N, C-alpha and C. Protein backbone atom coordinates (compact mmCIF):
# COMPACT_ATOMS: atom_id res chain seq x y z
N UNK A 1 -117.40 43.13 -22.03
CA UNK A 1 -118.65 42.53 -21.53
C UNK A 1 -118.54 42.38 -19.89
N UNK A 2 -119.46 43.12 -19.18
CA UNK A 2 -119.68 42.85 -17.86
C UNK A 2 -120.56 41.22 -17.58
N UNK A 3 -120.28 40.72 -16.64
CA UNK A 3 -120.87 39.44 -16.36
C UNK A 3 -121.73 39.56 -14.99
N UNK A 4 -122.96 39.39 -15.36
CA UNK A 4 -123.84 39.30 -13.87
C UNK A 4 -123.40 38.02 -13.09
N UNK A 5 -123.54 38.36 -11.46
CA UNK A 5 -123.37 37.24 -10.91
C UNK A 5 -124.49 35.85 -10.93
N UNK A 6 -124.05 34.89 -11.24
CA UNK A 6 -125.06 33.73 -11.19
C UNK A 6 -125.44 33.45 -9.88
N UNK A 7 -127.01 33.52 -10.22
CA UNK A 7 -128.03 33.65 -8.81
C UNK A 7 -128.03 31.82 -8.67
N UNK A 8 -127.25 31.11 -7.70
CA UNK A 8 -127.29 29.47 -7.66
C UNK A 8 -127.98 29.18 -6.85
N UNK A 9 -129.08 27.99 -7.05
CA UNK A 9 -129.75 27.58 -5.91
C UNK A 9 -128.94 26.93 -4.77
N UNK A 10 -129.89 27.22 -3.70
CA UNK A 10 -129.06 26.79 -2.27
C UNK A 10 -128.52 25.42 -2.54
N UNK A 11 -129.21 24.64 -3.04
CA UNK A 11 -128.67 22.97 -3.06
C UNK A 11 -127.63 22.71 -3.92
N UNK A 12 -127.52 23.69 -4.87
CA UNK A 12 -126.32 23.61 -5.86
C UNK A 12 -125.04 24.45 -5.30
N UNK A 13 -125.23 25.11 -4.45
CA UNK A 13 -124.00 25.80 -4.23
C UNK A 13 -123.06 25.01 -3.52
N UNK A 14 -123.11 23.99 -3.05
CA UNK A 14 -121.66 23.34 -2.22
C UNK A 14 -121.11 22.44 -3.76
N UNK A 15 -121.80 21.90 -4.71
CA UNK A 15 -121.25 21.91 -5.94
C UNK A 15 -120.41 22.97 -6.48
N UNK A 16 -120.98 23.97 -6.68
CA UNK A 16 -120.38 25.22 -7.15
C UNK A 16 -119.03 25.32 -6.20
N UNK A 17 -119.10 25.29 -4.95
CA UNK A 17 -118.06 25.57 -4.46
C UNK A 17 -116.76 24.72 -4.65
N UNK A 18 -116.98 23.24 -4.91
CA UNK A 18 -116.20 22.46 -5.45
C UNK A 18 -115.65 22.96 -6.75
N UNK A 19 -116.34 23.39 -7.49
CA UNK A 19 -116.03 23.94 -8.92
C UNK A 19 -114.94 24.99 -8.71
N UNK A 20 -115.16 25.83 -7.61
CA UNK A 20 -114.14 26.71 -7.24
C UNK A 20 -112.94 26.09 -6.95
N UNK A 21 -112.70 24.96 -6.46
CA UNK A 21 -111.67 24.23 -5.86
C UNK A 21 -111.00 24.08 -7.21
N UNK A 22 -111.94 23.75 -8.30
CA UNK A 22 -111.27 22.79 -9.57
C UNK A 22 -110.72 23.98 -10.50
N UNK A 23 -111.32 25.45 -10.10
CA UNK A 23 -110.64 26.47 -10.90
C UNK A 23 -109.42 26.82 -10.38
N UNK A 24 -109.36 26.59 -9.09
CA UNK A 24 -107.87 26.81 -8.23
C UNK A 24 -107.05 25.86 -8.77
N UNK A 25 -107.30 24.57 -8.87
CA UNK A 25 -106.08 23.45 -9.64
C UNK A 25 -105.80 24.14 -10.55
N UNK A 26 -106.56 24.72 -11.81
CA UNK A 26 -106.17 25.09 -12.92
C UNK A 26 -105.14 26.39 -12.59
N UNK A 27 -105.31 27.01 -11.74
CA UNK A 27 -104.62 28.32 -11.65
C UNK A 27 -103.19 28.09 -10.87
N UNK A 28 -103.19 26.67 -9.94
CA UNK A 28 -101.87 25.97 -9.68
C UNK A 28 -101.16 25.65 -10.52
N UNK A 29 -101.96 24.75 -11.53
CA UNK A 29 -101.03 24.27 -12.74
C UNK A 29 -100.44 25.31 -13.73
N UNK A 30 -101.03 26.59 -13.70
CA UNK A 30 -100.45 27.71 -14.55
C UNK A 30 -99.28 28.24 -13.36
N UNK A 31 -99.59 28.35 -12.49
CA UNK A 31 -98.41 28.99 -11.68
C UNK A 31 -97.36 28.26 -11.50
N UNK A 32 -97.54 26.58 -11.62
CA UNK A 32 -96.35 25.90 -11.60
C UNK A 32 -95.35 25.94 -12.74
N UNK A 33 -96.16 26.13 -13.97
CA UNK A 33 -95.50 26.14 -15.35
C UNK A 33 -95.12 27.54 -15.26
N UNK A 34 -95.61 28.86 -14.64
CA UNK A 34 -94.93 30.12 -14.95
C UNK A 34 -93.63 30.12 -13.98
N UNK A 35 -93.52 29.23 -12.91
CA UNK A 35 -92.64 29.10 -12.04
C UNK A 35 -91.36 28.28 -12.25
N UNK A 36 -91.71 27.25 -13.49
CA UNK A 36 -91.03 26.42 -13.85
C UNK A 36 -90.80 25.35 -13.06
N UNK A 37 -91.64 24.60 -12.14
CA UNK A 37 -91.83 23.93 -11.35
C UNK A 37 -91.66 22.69 -12.25
N UNK A 38 -91.08 21.62 -11.46
CA UNK A 38 -90.71 20.45 -12.05
C UNK A 38 -92.26 19.80 -12.17
N UNK A 39 -92.37 19.30 -13.30
CA UNK A 39 -93.57 18.43 -13.98
C UNK A 39 -94.00 17.59 -13.12
N UNK A 40 -93.02 16.74 -12.55
CA UNK A 40 -93.59 15.49 -11.80
C UNK A 40 -94.11 16.06 -10.10
N UNK A 41 -93.55 17.26 -9.83
CA UNK A 41 -94.15 17.98 -8.85
C UNK A 41 -95.89 18.53 -8.79
N UNK A 42 -95.74 18.93 -10.06
CA UNK A 42 -97.31 19.49 -10.11
C UNK A 42 -98.22 18.32 -10.37
N UNK A 43 -97.38 17.33 -11.11
CA UNK A 43 -98.44 15.92 -11.74
C UNK A 43 -98.72 15.22 -10.21
N UNK A 44 -97.83 15.02 -9.04
CA UNK A 44 -98.08 14.56 -7.89
C UNK A 44 -99.75 15.15 -7.34
N UNK A 45 -99.55 16.64 -7.36
CA UNK A 45 -100.78 17.30 -6.63
C UNK A 45 -101.86 16.94 -7.59
N UNK A 46 -101.76 17.19 -8.90
CA UNK A 46 -102.79 17.16 -9.63
C UNK A 46 -103.55 15.59 -9.57
N UNK A 47 -102.77 14.66 -9.39
CA UNK A 47 -103.12 13.03 -8.87
C UNK A 47 -103.88 13.20 -7.73
N UNK A 48 -103.09 13.51 -6.88
CA UNK A 48 -104.10 13.63 -5.50
C UNK A 48 -105.48 14.40 -5.59
N UNK A 49 -105.60 15.20 -6.13
CA UNK A 49 -106.82 16.40 -6.48
C UNK A 49 -107.48 15.26 -7.22
N UNK A 50 -107.30 14.86 -8.22
CA UNK A 50 -108.06 13.80 -9.16
C UNK A 50 -108.54 12.99 -8.31
N UNK A 51 -107.87 11.92 -7.87
CA UNK A 51 -108.24 11.18 -6.72
C UNK A 51 -109.39 11.16 -5.87
N UNK A 52 -108.93 12.23 -4.87
CA UNK A 52 -109.48 12.71 -3.42
C UNK A 52 -110.74 13.70 -4.08
N UNK A 53 -110.86 14.35 -5.02
CA UNK A 53 -111.93 15.44 -4.82
C UNK A 53 -112.38 15.10 -6.66
N UNK A 54 -112.04 15.21 -7.53
CA UNK A 54 -112.69 15.26 -8.86
C UNK A 54 -113.46 13.91 -9.17
N UNK A 55 -112.53 12.89 -9.11
CA UNK A 55 -113.61 11.54 -9.31
C UNK A 55 -114.91 11.72 -8.39
N UNK A 56 -115.07 11.66 -7.16
CA UNK A 56 -116.21 11.91 -6.37
C UNK A 56 -117.28 12.85 -6.99
N UNK A 57 -116.42 13.98 -7.51
CA UNK A 57 -117.38 15.03 -7.93
C UNK A 57 -117.90 14.46 -9.20
N UNK A 58 -117.01 13.91 -10.07
CA UNK A 58 -117.90 13.73 -11.33
C UNK A 58 -118.75 12.52 -10.84
N UNK A 59 -118.50 11.64 -10.14
CA UNK A 59 -119.71 10.60 -9.82
C UNK A 59 -120.84 11.11 -9.40
N UNK A 60 -120.84 12.20 -8.45
CA UNK A 60 -122.04 12.73 -7.99
C UNK A 60 -122.85 13.47 -8.78
N UNK A 61 -122.04 14.39 -9.95
CA UNK A 61 -122.96 14.86 -10.92
C UNK A 61 -123.64 13.97 -11.92
N UNK A 62 -122.86 12.86 -12.11
CA UNK A 62 -123.39 11.93 -13.14
C UNK A 62 -124.54 11.26 -12.61
N UNK A 63 -124.49 11.02 -11.33
CA UNK A 63 -125.58 9.88 -10.63
C UNK A 63 -126.78 10.83 -10.06
N UNK A 64 -126.52 12.19 -9.91
CA UNK A 64 -127.65 12.83 -9.16
C UNK A 64 -127.79 13.85 -9.93
N UNK A 65 -127.04 14.65 -10.41
CA UNK A 65 -127.08 16.03 -11.11
C UNK A 65 -128.04 15.81 -12.43
N UNK A 66 -126.99 15.55 -13.29
CA UNK A 66 -127.25 15.33 -14.80
C UNK A 66 -128.35 14.58 -14.91
N UNK A 67 -128.89 13.77 -14.07
CA UNK A 67 -130.28 12.93 -14.01
C UNK A 67 -131.43 13.50 -13.96
N UNK A 68 -131.14 14.86 -13.50
CA UNK A 68 -132.36 15.62 -13.20
C UNK A 68 -133.05 15.88 -15.11
N UNK A 69 -132.12 16.31 -16.01
CA UNK A 69 -132.28 16.57 -17.42
C UNK A 69 -132.54 15.07 -18.01
N UNK A 70 -133.17 15.05 -19.36
CA UNK A 70 -133.29 13.95 -19.81
C UNK A 70 -131.87 13.16 -20.36
N UNK A 71 -131.81 11.87 -20.58
CA UNK A 71 -130.47 11.27 -20.62
C UNK A 71 -129.85 12.07 -22.14
N UNK A 72 -130.93 12.25 -23.25
CA UNK A 72 -130.35 12.74 -24.36
C UNK A 72 -130.07 14.47 -24.45
N UNK A 73 -130.43 14.86 -23.59
CA UNK A 73 -129.97 15.95 -23.55
C UNK A 73 -128.52 16.59 -24.05
N UNK A 74 -128.49 17.63 -24.51
CA UNK A 74 -127.29 17.89 -25.56
C UNK A 74 -126.33 18.31 -24.31
N UNK A 75 -126.91 19.10 -23.61
CA UNK A 75 -125.86 19.65 -22.57
C UNK A 75 -125.32 18.63 -21.55
N UNK A 76 -125.97 17.74 -21.10
CA UNK A 76 -125.80 16.50 -20.37
C UNK A 76 -124.55 15.52 -21.31
N UNK A 77 -125.13 15.56 -22.41
CA UNK A 77 -124.27 14.66 -23.41
C UNK A 77 -122.72 15.28 -23.31
N UNK A 78 -122.77 16.89 -23.31
CA UNK A 78 -121.42 17.56 -23.31
C UNK A 78 -120.58 17.32 -22.24
N UNK A 79 -121.40 17.30 -21.10
CA UNK A 79 -120.58 17.34 -19.82
C UNK A 79 -119.96 16.05 -19.57
N UNK A 80 -120.94 14.86 -20.23
CA UNK A 80 -120.22 13.47 -19.84
C UNK A 80 -119.02 13.22 -21.00
N UNK A 81 -119.22 13.85 -21.79
CA UNK A 81 -118.08 13.72 -22.87
C UNK A 81 -116.71 14.60 -22.31
N UNK A 82 -116.97 15.63 -21.91
CA UNK A 82 -115.84 16.57 -21.24
C UNK A 82 -115.57 15.59 -20.03
N UNK A 83 -116.31 14.64 -19.25
CA UNK A 83 -115.50 14.28 -18.09
C UNK A 83 -114.85 12.98 -18.62
N UNK A 84 -115.33 12.39 -19.87
CA UNK A 84 -114.39 11.17 -20.06
C UNK A 84 -113.30 11.57 -20.50
N UNK A 85 -113.29 13.00 -21.46
CA UNK A 85 -111.90 13.29 -21.77
C UNK A 85 -110.95 13.87 -20.71
N UNK A 86 -111.58 14.27 -19.81
CA UNK A 86 -110.71 14.59 -18.54
C UNK A 86 -110.15 13.48 -17.90
N UNK A 87 -110.55 12.70 -17.59
CA UNK A 87 -110.56 11.29 -17.27
C UNK A 87 -109.13 10.78 -18.09
N UNK A 88 -109.12 10.90 -19.01
CA UNK A 88 -108.49 10.03 -20.07
C UNK A 88 -107.15 10.91 -19.95
N UNK A 89 -106.83 12.45 -19.49
CA UNK A 89 -105.94 13.00 -19.28
C UNK A 89 -105.50 12.93 -18.17
N UNK A 90 -106.09 12.99 -17.34
CA UNK A 90 -105.55 12.88 -15.76
C UNK A 90 -105.02 11.39 -15.71
N UNK A 91 -105.45 10.70 -16.24
CA UNK A 91 -104.89 8.90 -16.32
C UNK A 91 -103.93 8.82 -17.25
N UNK A 92 -103.65 9.59 -18.00
CA UNK A 92 -102.53 9.28 -19.10
C UNK A 92 -101.09 9.34 -18.43
N UNK A 93 -100.31 8.43 -18.40
CA UNK A 93 -98.60 8.32 -18.00
C UNK A 93 -98.01 8.97 -18.87
N UNK A 94 -98.20 9.51 -20.06
CA UNK A 94 -97.04 10.11 -21.19
C UNK A 94 -97.38 11.33 -21.35
N UNK A 95 -96.68 12.09 -21.83
CA UNK A 95 -96.65 13.61 -22.41
C UNK A 95 -97.33 14.34 -21.11
N UNK A 96 -96.53 14.19 -20.08
CA UNK A 96 -97.28 14.75 -18.72
C UNK A 96 -97.50 16.33 -18.90
N UNK A 97 -96.40 17.05 -19.41
CA UNK A 97 -96.43 18.33 -19.90
C UNK A 97 -97.66 18.77 -20.51
N UNK A 98 -97.68 18.51 -21.72
CA UNK A 98 -98.90 18.39 -22.47
C UNK A 98 -100.12 18.20 -22.12
N UNK A 99 -100.39 17.09 -21.27
CA UNK A 99 -101.54 16.66 -20.73
C UNK A 99 -101.95 17.79 -19.52
N UNK A 100 -100.86 18.14 -18.64
CA UNK A 100 -101.32 18.92 -17.62
C UNK A 100 -101.58 20.26 -18.19
N UNK A 101 -101.21 20.76 -19.21
CA UNK A 101 -101.49 22.06 -19.82
C UNK A 101 -102.95 21.71 -20.70
N UNK A 102 -103.45 20.72 -20.99
CA UNK A 102 -104.51 20.38 -21.64
C UNK A 102 -105.58 20.27 -20.31
N UNK A 103 -105.45 19.74 -19.14
CA UNK A 103 -106.28 19.60 -18.14
C UNK A 103 -106.36 20.92 -17.46
N UNK A 104 -105.57 21.67 -17.42
CA UNK A 104 -105.78 23.39 -17.04
C UNK A 104 -106.53 23.98 -17.99
N UNK A 105 -106.46 23.95 -19.32
CA UNK A 105 -107.41 24.24 -20.29
C UNK A 105 -108.79 23.93 -20.33
N UNK A 106 -108.79 22.36 -20.21
CA UNK A 106 -110.15 21.91 -20.38
C UNK A 106 -110.82 21.81 -19.24
N UNK A 107 -110.34 21.84 -18.15
CA UNK A 107 -111.26 21.52 -16.92
C UNK A 107 -111.66 22.99 -16.62
N UNK A 108 -110.98 24.09 -16.82
CA UNK A 108 -111.58 25.36 -16.65
C UNK A 108 -112.62 25.85 -17.60
N UNK A 109 -112.50 25.27 -19.00
CA UNK A 109 -113.59 25.25 -19.93
C UNK A 109 -114.73 24.64 -19.50
N UNK A 110 -114.55 23.53 -19.05
CA UNK A 110 -115.53 22.32 -18.21
C UNK A 110 -116.32 23.08 -17.24
N UNK A 111 -115.79 23.67 -16.52
CA UNK A 111 -116.22 24.28 -15.23
C UNK A 111 -117.13 25.36 -15.50
N UNK A 112 -116.65 26.10 -16.65
CA UNK A 112 -117.53 27.41 -16.55
C UNK A 112 -118.61 26.90 -17.39
N UNK A 113 -118.55 26.00 -18.47
CA UNK A 113 -119.71 25.45 -19.26
C UNK A 113 -120.99 24.97 -17.99
N UNK A 114 -120.42 24.06 -17.06
CA UNK A 114 -121.28 23.51 -16.07
C UNK A 114 -122.20 25.03 -15.33
N UNK A 115 -121.23 25.67 -15.10
CA UNK A 115 -121.50 26.77 -14.11
C UNK A 115 -122.54 27.89 -14.79
N UNK A 116 -122.12 28.36 -16.07
CA UNK A 116 -122.52 29.06 -16.61
C UNK A 116 -123.95 28.65 -17.54
N UNK A 117 -124.07 27.43 -17.96
CA UNK A 117 -124.95 26.94 -18.82
C UNK A 117 -125.88 25.86 -18.56
N UNK A 118 -125.05 24.55 -18.11
CA UNK A 118 -125.90 23.42 -17.63
C UNK A 118 -126.48 23.84 -16.27
N UNK A 119 -125.75 24.10 -15.34
CA UNK A 119 -126.54 24.37 -13.92
C UNK A 119 -127.87 25.14 -13.97
N UNK A 120 -127.57 26.04 -14.82
CA UNK A 120 -128.69 27.09 -15.00
C UNK A 120 -129.95 26.26 -15.75
N UNK A 121 -129.59 25.46 -16.81
CA UNK A 121 -130.50 24.68 -17.27
C UNK A 121 -131.42 23.91 -16.37
N UNK A 122 -130.38 23.15 -15.66
CA UNK A 122 -130.84 22.53 -14.34
C UNK A 122 -131.68 23.03 -13.45
N UNK A 123 -131.23 24.27 -13.13
CA UNK A 123 -132.26 24.89 -12.05
C UNK A 123 -133.51 25.31 -12.40
N UNK A 124 -133.45 25.64 -13.64
CA UNK A 124 -134.92 26.00 -14.22
C UNK A 124 -135.79 24.83 -14.48
N UNK A 125 -135.34 23.56 -14.67
CA UNK A 125 -136.08 22.40 -14.84
C UNK A 125 -136.59 21.59 -13.57
N UNK A 126 -135.47 21.83 -12.64
CA UNK A 126 -135.38 20.71 -11.65
C UNK A 126 -136.89 21.22 -10.50
N UNK A 127 -137.45 20.20 -9.94
CA UNK A 127 -138.45 20.45 -8.97
C UNK A 127 -137.80 20.98 -7.71
N UNK A 128 -138.75 21.61 -6.55
CA UNK A 128 -137.93 21.66 -5.48
C UNK A 128 -137.41 20.39 -4.82
N UNK A 129 -138.22 19.27 -5.12
CA UNK A 129 -137.97 18.12 -4.37
C UNK A 129 -136.86 17.52 -5.03
N UNK A 130 -136.55 17.70 -6.40
CA UNK A 130 -135.02 16.88 -6.93
C UNK A 130 -133.88 17.60 -6.15
N UNK A 131 -133.98 19.25 -6.08
CA UNK A 131 -132.84 19.91 -5.66
C UNK A 131 -132.79 19.78 -4.03
N UNK A 132 -133.92 19.68 -3.53
CA UNK A 132 -133.60 19.28 -1.80
C UNK A 132 -133.02 18.02 -1.97
N UNK A 133 -133.29 17.06 -2.66
CA UNK A 133 -132.71 15.84 -2.56
C UNK A 133 -131.33 15.76 -2.58
N UNK A 134 -130.63 16.82 -3.09
CA UNK A 134 -129.08 16.96 -3.55
C UNK A 134 -128.69 17.17 -2.04
N UNK A 135 -129.33 17.76 -1.13
CA UNK A 135 -128.85 17.99 0.51
C UNK A 135 -128.44 16.39 1.23
N UNK A 136 -129.39 15.88 0.55
CA UNK A 136 -129.28 14.57 1.63
C UNK A 136 -127.82 13.74 0.87
N UNK A 137 -127.92 13.92 -0.53
CA UNK A 137 -127.09 12.93 -1.18
C UNK A 137 -125.43 13.69 -0.81
N UNK A 138 -125.47 14.83 -1.19
CA UNK A 138 -124.27 15.39 -0.73
C UNK A 138 -123.70 16.27 0.32
N UNK A 139 -123.06 15.74 1.14
CA UNK A 139 -122.69 16.41 2.41
C UNK A 139 -121.27 17.01 2.46
N UNK A 140 -121.58 18.17 2.42
CA UNK A 140 -120.22 19.01 2.07
C UNK A 140 -119.31 19.27 3.38
N UNK A 141 -118.04 18.75 3.43
CA UNK A 141 -117.38 18.70 4.44
C UNK A 141 -116.18 19.67 4.30
N UNK A 142 -116.26 20.57 3.34
CA UNK A 142 -115.44 21.45 3.09
C UNK A 142 -114.05 21.08 2.59
N UNK A 143 -113.30 21.87 1.72
CA UNK A 143 -112.18 21.42 1.06
C UNK A 143 -111.01 21.41 1.97
N UNK A 144 -109.97 20.47 1.94
CA UNK A 144 -108.78 20.55 2.60
C UNK A 144 -107.76 20.03 1.93
N UNK A 145 -107.06 21.01 1.48
CA UNK A 145 -105.71 21.18 0.55
C UNK A 145 -104.97 20.34 1.23
N UNK A 146 -103.99 19.48 0.05
CA UNK A 146 -102.94 19.02 0.41
C UNK A 146 -101.65 20.07 0.22
N UNK A 147 -101.05 20.23 1.50
CA UNK A 147 -100.14 21.34 1.35
C UNK A 147 -98.81 20.56 1.36
N UNK A 148 -98.55 19.60 1.13
CA UNK A 148 -97.38 18.45 1.64
C UNK A 148 -96.29 19.53 0.42
N UNK A 149 -96.38 19.63 -0.74
CA UNK A 149 -95.59 20.62 -1.46
C UNK A 149 -96.29 21.38 -2.04
N UNK A 150 -96.50 22.61 -1.49
CA UNK A 150 -97.18 23.67 -2.19
C UNK A 150 -96.30 24.83 -3.22
N UNK A 151 -96.00 24.17 -4.28
CA UNK A 151 -95.25 24.51 -5.27
C UNK A 151 -95.81 25.57 -5.99
N UNK A 152 -96.97 26.32 -5.72
CA UNK A 152 -97.62 27.15 -6.36
C UNK A 152 -97.37 28.52 -5.41
N UNK A 153 -97.16 28.34 -4.06
CA UNK A 153 -96.91 29.48 -3.18
C UNK A 153 -95.70 30.42 -3.49
N UNK A 154 -95.80 31.33 -2.93
CA UNK A 154 -94.64 32.52 -3.33
C UNK A 154 -93.46 31.97 -2.68
N UNK A 155 -93.69 31.19 -1.48
CA UNK A 155 -92.20 30.82 -1.00
C UNK A 155 -91.49 29.69 -1.52
N UNK A 156 -92.13 29.24 -2.52
CA UNK A 156 -91.32 27.85 -3.52
C UNK A 156 -91.05 28.15 -4.61
């Protein structure tokens, strides 16, 4: 089945670009496992990504994007539940390999859900003013990767 590209509203595009970085994190975890990289190296990178990028991203979505829909919206409730589950996985100090594997699977699934389902509903319901307000709230700086230990690269 061929997927047609999603027509994303201009004001949501910066958030979608952040989602792309999340999908790259999943790819980096998979690549690290495939290359038998020491789990602690993968975890160090994942911790950095979580603190510097994912937590602020979750906060932005929860305060400004999800609130465009009603509190009891089932899609918002699912997204919030996903956020809680992912936070627990990222913050768990035990079963690192298992948790990294679950992070990789669940984060990718969560991002695909937001992009393909939740954001489409938000675009349909949001007023132009609501969408435009995101521009003032979210100043896209561009992603700067942590390349101190690029375990996913061909050279490593």
